[in-house]
Amino acid sequence: MAKGKDVRGIVFLQCTNCVRNDFNKESRGTFRYITQKNRHNTPSRLELRKFCPYCYKHTIHREIKN
């Protein structure tokens, strides 16, 4: 059987707190998680609460373009 279009795509989640504080000198960068999502069930951008080692706390991570 031939495979169709990829329904489950790879998405990158980036910390929103690190992005806002990117201009801060003490910020070491941004942290990204890699995960998958079903594009038919969730067409909008994914938002998950994950742990960021740079902020050292749980923050909201949003899907970015890849």
PDB file of N, CA and C in Angstrom:
ATOM      1  N   MET A   1       0.828  -1.183   0.000  1.00  0.00           N
ATOM      2  CA  MET A   1       0.000   0.000   0.000  1.00  0.00           C
ATOM      3  C   MET A   1       0.873   1.247   0.000  1.00  0.00           C
ATOM      4  N   ALA A   2       0.425   2.246  -0.684  1.00  0.00           N
ATOM      5  CA  ALA A   2       1.142   3.515  -0.718  1.00  0.00           C
ATOM      6  C   ALA A   2       0.765   4.358   0.495  1.00  0.00           C
ATOM      7  N   LYS A   3       1.748   5.045   1.008  1.00  0.00           N
ATOM      8  CA  LYS A   3       1.482   5.929   2.142  1.00  0.00           C
ATOM      9  C   LYS A   3       0.995   7.277   1.632  1.00  0.00           C
ATOM     10  N   GLY A   4       0.043   7.858   2.354  1.00  0.00           N
ATOM     11  CA  GLY A   4      -0.467   9.181   2.015  1.00  0.00           C
ATOM     12  C   GLY A   4       0.389  10.261   2.640  1.00  0.00           C
ATOM     13  N   LYS A   5      -0.197  11.425   2.787  1.00  0.00           N
ATOM     14  CA  LYS A   5       0.516  12.525   3.419  1.00  0.00           C
ATOM     15  C   LYS A   5       0.735  12.218   4.891  1.00  0.00           C
ATOM     16  N   ASP A   6       1.785  12.793   5.434  1.00  0.00           N
ATOM     17  CA  ASP A   6       2.065  12.577   6.841  1.00  0.00           C
ATOM     18  C   ASP A   6       1.012  13.265   7.699  1.00  0.00           C
ATOM     19  N   VAL A   7       0.223  12.481   8.419  1.00  0.00           N
ATOM     20  CA  VAL A   7      -0.775  13.054   9.312  1.00  0.00           C
ATOM     21  C   VAL A   7      -0.110  13.489  10.604  1.00  0.00           C
ATOM     22  N   ARG A   8       0.796  12.655  11.111  1.00  0.00           N
ATOM     23  CA  ARG A   8       1.519  12.996  12.337  1.00  0.00           C
ATOM     24  C   ARG A   8       2.826  13.672  11.946  1.00  0.00           C
ATOM     25  N   GLY A   9       2.914  14.942  12.250  1.00  0.00           N
ATOM     26  CA  GLY A   9       4.109  15.695  11.902  1.00  0.00           C
ATOM     27  C   GLY A   9       4.940  16.031  13.123  1.00  0.00           C
ATOM     28  N   ILE A  10       6.217  16.252  12.904  1.00  0.00           N
ATOM     29  CA  ILE A  10       7.123  16.635  13.982  1.00  0.00           C
ATOM     30  C   ILE A  10       6.975  18.131  14.234  1.00  0.00           C
ATOM     31  N   VAL A  11       6.831  18.508  15.497  1.00  0.00           N
ATOM     32  CA  VAL A  11       6.723  19.920  15.878  1.00  0.00           C
ATOM     33  C   VAL A  11       7.756  20.231  16.959  1.00  0.00           C
ATOM     34  N   PHE A  12       8.157  21.496  17.018  1.00  0.00           N
ATOM     35  CA  PHE A  12       9.106  21.964  18.017  1.00  0.00           C
ATOM     36  C   PHE A  12       8.368  22.885  18.975  1.00  0.00           C
ATOM     37  N   LEU A  13       8.574  22.664  20.273  1.00  0.00           N
ATOM     38  CA  LEU A  13       7.973  23.511  21.299  1.00  0.00           C
ATOM     39  C   LEU A  13       9.066  24.355  21.930  1.00  0.00           C
ATOM     40  N   GLN A  14       8.847  25.677  21.990  1.00  0.00           N
ATOM     41  CA  GLN A  14       9.843  26.593  22.514  1.00  0.00           C
ATOM     42  C   GLN A  14       9.282  27.321  23.735  1.00  0.00           C
ATOM     43  N   CYS A  15      10.137  27.529  24.721  1.00  0.00           N
ATOM     44  CA  CYS A  15       9.752  28.194  25.964  1.00  0.00           C
ATOM     45  C   CYS A  15       9.364  29.641  25.682  1.00  0.00           C
ATOM     46  N   THR A  16       8.186  30.055  26.139  1.00  0.00           N
ATOM     47  CA  THR A  16       7.743  31.433  25.914  1.00  0.00           C
ATOM     48  C   THR A  16       8.431  32.397  26.862  1.00  0.00           C
ATOM     49  N   ASN A  17       8.796  31.942  28.040  1.00  0.00           N
ATOM     50  CA  ASN A  17       9.454  32.815  29.008  1.00  0.00           C
ATOM     51  C   ASN A  17      10.873  33.167  28.551  1.00  0.00           C
ATOM     52  N   CYS A  18      11.607  32.232  27.998  1.00  0.00           N
ATOM     53  CA  CYS A  18      12.959  32.494  27.495  1.00  0.00           C
ATOM     54  C   CYS A  18      12.929  33.421  26.285  1.00  0.00           C
ATOM     55  N   VAL A  19      11.909  33.295  25.450  1.00  0.00           N
ATOM     56  CA  VAL A  19      11.807  34.131  24.253  1.00  0.00           C
ATOM     57  C   VAL A  19      11.578  35.575  24.654  1.00  0.00           C
ATOM     58  N   ARG A  20      10.742  35.807  25.668  1.00  0.00           N
ATOM     59  CA  ARG A  20      10.471  37.168  26.124  1.00  0.00           C
ATOM     60  C   ARG A  20      11.707  37.791  26.771  1.00  0.00           C
ATOM     61  N   ASN A  21      12.502  36.986  27.456  1.00  0.00           N
ATOM     62  CA  ASN A  21      13.681  37.496  28.137  1.00  0.00           C
ATOM     63  C   ASN A  21      14.951  37.290  27.321  1.00  0.00           C
ATOM     64  N   ASP A  22      14.822  37.187  26.011  1.00  0.00           N
ATOM     65  CA  ASP A  22      15.980  36.936  25.148  1.00  0.00           C
ATOM     66  C   ASP A  22      16.955  38.107  25.160  1.00  0.00           C
ATOM     67  N   PHE A  23      16.460  39.316  25.373  1.00  0.00           N
ATOM     68  CA  PHE A  23      17.328  40.486  25.393  1.00  0.00           C
ATOM     69  C   PHE A  23      18.118  40.576  26.694  1.00  0.00           C
ATOM     70  N   ASN A  24      17.738  39.789  27.689  1.00  0.00           N
ATOM     71  CA  ASN A  24      18.410  39.810  28.987  1.00  0.00           C
ATOM     72  C   ASN A  24      19.776  39.128  28.875  1.00  0.00           C
ATOM     73  N   LYS A  25      20.804  39.706  29.449  1.00  0.00           N
ATOM     74  CA  LYS A  25      22.155  39.161  29.341  1.00  0.00           C
ATOM     75  C   LYS A  25      22.328  37.879  30.145  1.00  0.00           C
ATOM     76  N   GLU A  26      21.570  37.717  31.225  1.00  0.00           N
ATOM     77  CA  GLU A  26      21.737  36.524  32.049  1.00  0.00           C
ATOM     78  C   GLU A  26      21.041  35.304  31.457  1.00  0.00           C
ATOM     79  N   SER A  27      20.221  35.481  30.444  1.00  0.00           N
ATOM     80  CA  SER A  27      19.562  34.364  29.788  1.00  0.00           C
ATOM     81  C   SER A  27      20.568  33.603  28.937  1.00  0.00           C
ATOM     82  N   ARG A  28      20.614  32.279  29.084  1.00  0.00           N
ATOM     83  CA  ARG A  28      21.593  31.478  28.353  1.00  0.00           C
ATOM     84  C   ARG A  28      21.060  31.010  27.000  1.00  0.00           C
ATOM     85  N   GLY A  29      19.800  31.260  26.707  1.00  0.00           N
ATOM     86  CA  GLY A  29      19.246  30.830  25.441  1.00  0.00           C
ATOM     87  C   GLY A  29      17.813  30.379  25.596  1.00  0.00           C
ATOM     88  N   THR A  30      17.322  29.614  24.633  1.00  0.00           N
ATOM     89  CA  THR A  30      15.968  29.082  24.696  1.00  0.00           C
ATOM     90  C   THR A  30      16.040  27.571  24.658  1.00  0.00           C
ATOM     91  N   PHE A  31      15.050  26.944  25.255  1.00  0.00           N
ATOM     92  CA  PHE A  31      15.005  25.498  25.293  1.00  0.00           C
ATOM     93  C   PHE A  31      13.855  25.017  24.434  1.00  0.00           C
ATOM     94  N   ARG A  32      14.076  23.953  23.672  1.00  0.00           N
ATOM     95  CA  ARG A  32      13.059  23.427  22.764  1.00  0.00           C
ATOM     96  C   ARG A  32      12.843  21.942  23.003  1.00  0.00           C
ATOM     97  N   TYR A  33      11.576  21.549  22.966  1.00  0.00           N
ATOM     98  CA  TYR A  33      11.193  20.144  23.002  1.00  0.00           C
ATOM     99  C   TYR A  33      10.782  19.730  21.599  1.00  0.00           C
ATOM    100  N   ILE A  34      10.986  18.471  21.268  1.00  0.00           N
ATOM    101  CA  ILE A  34      10.562  17.919  19.986  1.00  0.00           C
ATOM    102  C   ILE A  34       9.489  16.878  20.276  1.00  0.00           C
ATOM    103  N   THR A  35       8.351  16.984  19.590  1.00  0.00           N
ATOM    104  CA  THR A  35       7.255  16.045  19.791  1.00  0.00           C
ATOM    105  C   THR A  35       6.503  15.877  18.483  1.00  0.00           C
ATOM    106  N   GLN A  36       5.437  15.093  18.515  1.00  0.00           N
ATOM    107  CA  GLN A  36       4.594  14.877  17.338  1.00  0.00           C
ATOM    108  C   GLN A  36       3.167  15.262  17.665  1.00  0.00           C
ATOM    109  N   LYS A  37       2.416  15.650  16.622  1.00  0.00           N
ATOM    110  CA  LYS A  37       0.995  15.924  16.803  1.00  0.00           C
ATOM    111  C   LYS A  37       0.247  15.499  15.553  1.00  0.00           C
ATOM    112  N   ASN A  38      -1.010  15.176  15.740  1.00  0.00           N
ATOM    113  CA  ASN A  38      -1.872  14.815  14.625  1.00  0.00           C
ATOM    114  C   ASN A  38      -2.444  16.101  14.040  1.00  0.00           C
ATOM    115  N   ARG A  39      -2.100  16.395  12.797  1.00  0.00           N
ATOM    116  CA  ARG A  39      -2.487  17.664  12.186  1.00  0.00           C
ATOM    117  C   ARG A  39      -3.982  17.741  11.874  1.00  0.00           C
ATOM    118  N   HIS A  40      -4.649  16.595  11.736  1.00  0.00           N
ATOM    119  CA  HIS A  40      -6.091  16.609  11.488  1.00  0.00           C
ATOM    120  C   HIS A  40      -6.872  16.916  12.761  1.00  0.00           C
ATOM    121  N   ASN A  41      -6.443  16.379  13.899  1.00  0.00           N
ATOM    122  CA  ASN A  41      -7.154  16.589  15.158  1.00  0.00           C
ATOM    123  C   ASN A  41      -6.833  17.929  15.803  1.00  0.00           C
ATOM    124  N   THR A  42      -5.608  18.418  15.656  1.00  0.00           N
ATOM    125  CA  THR A  42      -5.193  19.699  16.234  1.00  0.00           C
ATOM    126  C   THR A  42      -4.549  20.572  15.166  1.00  0.00           C
ATOM    127  N   PRO A  43      -5.352  21.286  14.380  1.00  0.00           N
ATOM    128  CA  PRO A  43      -4.767  22.145  13.347  1.00  0.00           C
ATOM    129  C   PRO A  43      -4.145  23.425  13.914  1.00  0.00           C
ATOM    130  N   SER A  44      -4.556  23.836  15.116  1.00  0.00           N
ATOM    131  CA  SER A  44      -4.009  25.058  15.707  1.00  0.00           C
ATOM    132  C   SER A  44      -2.654  24.773  16.355  1.00  0.00           C
ATOM    133  N   ARG A  45      -2.011  25.837  16.801  1.00  0.00           N
ATOM    134  CA  ARG A  45      -0.694  25.704  17.430  1.00  0.00           C
ATOM    135  C   ARG A  45      -0.828  25.016  18.787  1.00  0.00           C
ATOM    136  N   LEU A  46       0.120  24.163  19.077  1.00  0.00           N
ATOM    137  CA  LEU A  46       0.122  23.385  20.304  1.00  0.00           C
ATOM    138  C   LEU A  46       0.776  24.190  21.430  1.00  0.00           C
ATOM    139  N   GLU A  47       0.170  24.137  22.628  1.00  0.00           N
ATOM    140  CA  GLU A  47       0.730  24.784  23.814  1.00  0.00           C
ATOM    141  C   GLU A  47       0.715  23.783  24.955  1.00  0.00           C
ATOM    142  N   LEU A  48       1.885  23.509  25.523  1.00  0.00           N
ATOM    143  CA  LEU A  48       1.996  22.578  26.632  1.00  0.00           C
ATOM    144  C   LEU A  48       2.803  23.213  27.748  1.00  0.00           C
ATOM    145  N   ARG A  49       2.498  22.808  28.962  1.00  0.00           N
ATOM    146  CA  ARG A  49       3.254  23.288  30.115  1.00  0.00           C
ATOM    147  C   ARG A  49       4.353  22.276  30.392  1.00  0.00           C
ATOM    148  N   LYS A  50       5.614  22.683  30.143  1.00  0.00           N
ATOM    149  CA  LYS A  50       6.764  21.792  30.275  1.00  0.00           C
ATOM    150  C   LYS A  50       7.827  22.460  31.151  1.00  0.00           C
ATOM    151  N   PHE A  51       8.808  21.669  31.567  1.00  0.00           N
ATOM    152  CA  PHE A  51       9.898  22.190  32.395  1.00  0.00           C
ATOM    153  C   PHE A  51      10.978  22.782  31.510  1.00  0.00           C
ATOM    154  N   CYS A  52      11.435  23.983  31.848  1.00  0.00           N
ATOM    155  CA  CYS A  52      12.525  24.642  31.134  1.00  0.00           C
ATOM    156  C   CYS A  52      13.748  24.669  32.046  1.00  0.00           C
ATOM    157  N   PRO A  53      14.858  24.036  31.648  1.00  0.00           N
ATOM    158  CA  PRO A  53      16.046  24.031  32.504  1.00  0.00           C
ATOM    159  C   PRO A  53      16.732  25.394  32.600  1.00  0.00           C
ATOM    160  N   TYR A  54      16.512  26.293  31.643  1.00  0.00           N
ATOM    161  CA  TYR A  54      17.113  27.620  31.710  1.00  0.00           C
ATOM    162  C   TYR A  54      16.367  28.510  32.698  1.00  0.00           C
ATOM    163  N   CYS A  55      15.033  28.436  32.683  1.00  0.00           N
ATOM    164  CA  CYS A  55      14.225  29.207  33.642  1.00  0.00           C
ATOM    165  C   CYS A  55      14.160  28.490  34.981  1.00  0.00           C
ATOM    166  N   TYR A  56      14.404  27.204  34.972  1.00  0.00           N
ATOM    167  CA  TYR A  56      14.352  26.320  36.130  1.00  0.00           C
ATOM    168  C   TYR A  56      12.966  26.298  36.772  1.00  0.00           C
ATOM    169  N   LYS A  57      11.940  26.256  35.902  1.00  0.00           N
ATOM    170  CA  LYS A  57      10.563  26.125  36.376  1.00  0.00           C
ATOM    171  C   LYS A  57       9.691  25.658  35.208  1.00  0.00           C
ATOM    172  N   HIS A  58       8.451  25.308  35.514  1.00  0.00           N
ATOM    173  CA  HIS A  58       7.498  24.895  34.491  1.00  0.00           C
ATOM    174  C   HIS A  58       6.907  26.137  33.834  1.00  0.00           C
ATOM    175  N   THR A  59       7.004  26.205  32.504  1.00  0.00           N
ATOM    176  CA  THR A  59       6.480  27.335  31.747  1.00  0.00           C
ATOM    177  C   THR A  59       5.698  26.803  30.559  1.00  0.00           C
ATOM    178  N   ILE A  60       4.998  27.696  29.892  1.00  0.00           N
ATOM    179  CA  ILE A  60       4.235  27.332  28.695  1.00  0.00           C
ATOM    180  C   ILE A  60       5.197  27.272  27.517  1.00  0.00           C
ATOM    181  N   HIS A  61       5.156  26.190  26.779  1.00  0.00           N
ATOM    182  CA  HIS A  61       5.948  26.017  25.561  1.00  0.00           C
ATOM    183  C   HIS A  61       4.989  26.011  24.375  1.00  0.00           C
ATOM    184  N   ARG A  62       5.261  26.851  23.384  1.00  0.00           N
ATOM    185  CA  ARG A  62       4.405  26.952  22.200  1.00  0.00           C
ATOM    186  C   ARG A  62       5.088  26.369  20.981  1.00  0.00           C
ATOM    187  N   GLU A  63       4.263  25.919  20.064  1.00  0.00           N
ATOM    188  CA  GLU A  63       4.771  25.360  18.809  1.00  0.00           C
ATOM    189  C   GLU A  63       5.341  26.485  17.949  1.00  0.00           C
ATOM    190  N   ILE A  64       6.508  26.221  17.342  1.00  0.00           N
ATOM    191  CA  ILE A  64       7.127  27.192  16.437  1.00  0.00           C
ATOM    192  C   ILE A  64       7.214  26.585  15.047  1.00  0.00           C
ATOM    193  N   LYS A  65       7.503  27.425  14.065  1.00  0.00           N
ATOM    194  CA  LYS A  65       7.698  26.934  12.707  1.00  0.00           C
ATOM    195  C   LYS A  65       8.983  26.123  12.625  1.00  0.00           C
ATOM    196  N   ASN A  66       8.964  25.078  11.826  1.00  0.00           N
ATOM    197  CA  ASN A  66      10.191  24.309  11.640  1.00  0.00           C
ATOM    198  C   ASN A  66      10.580  24.261  10.193  1.00  0.00           C
TER     199      ASN A  66
END
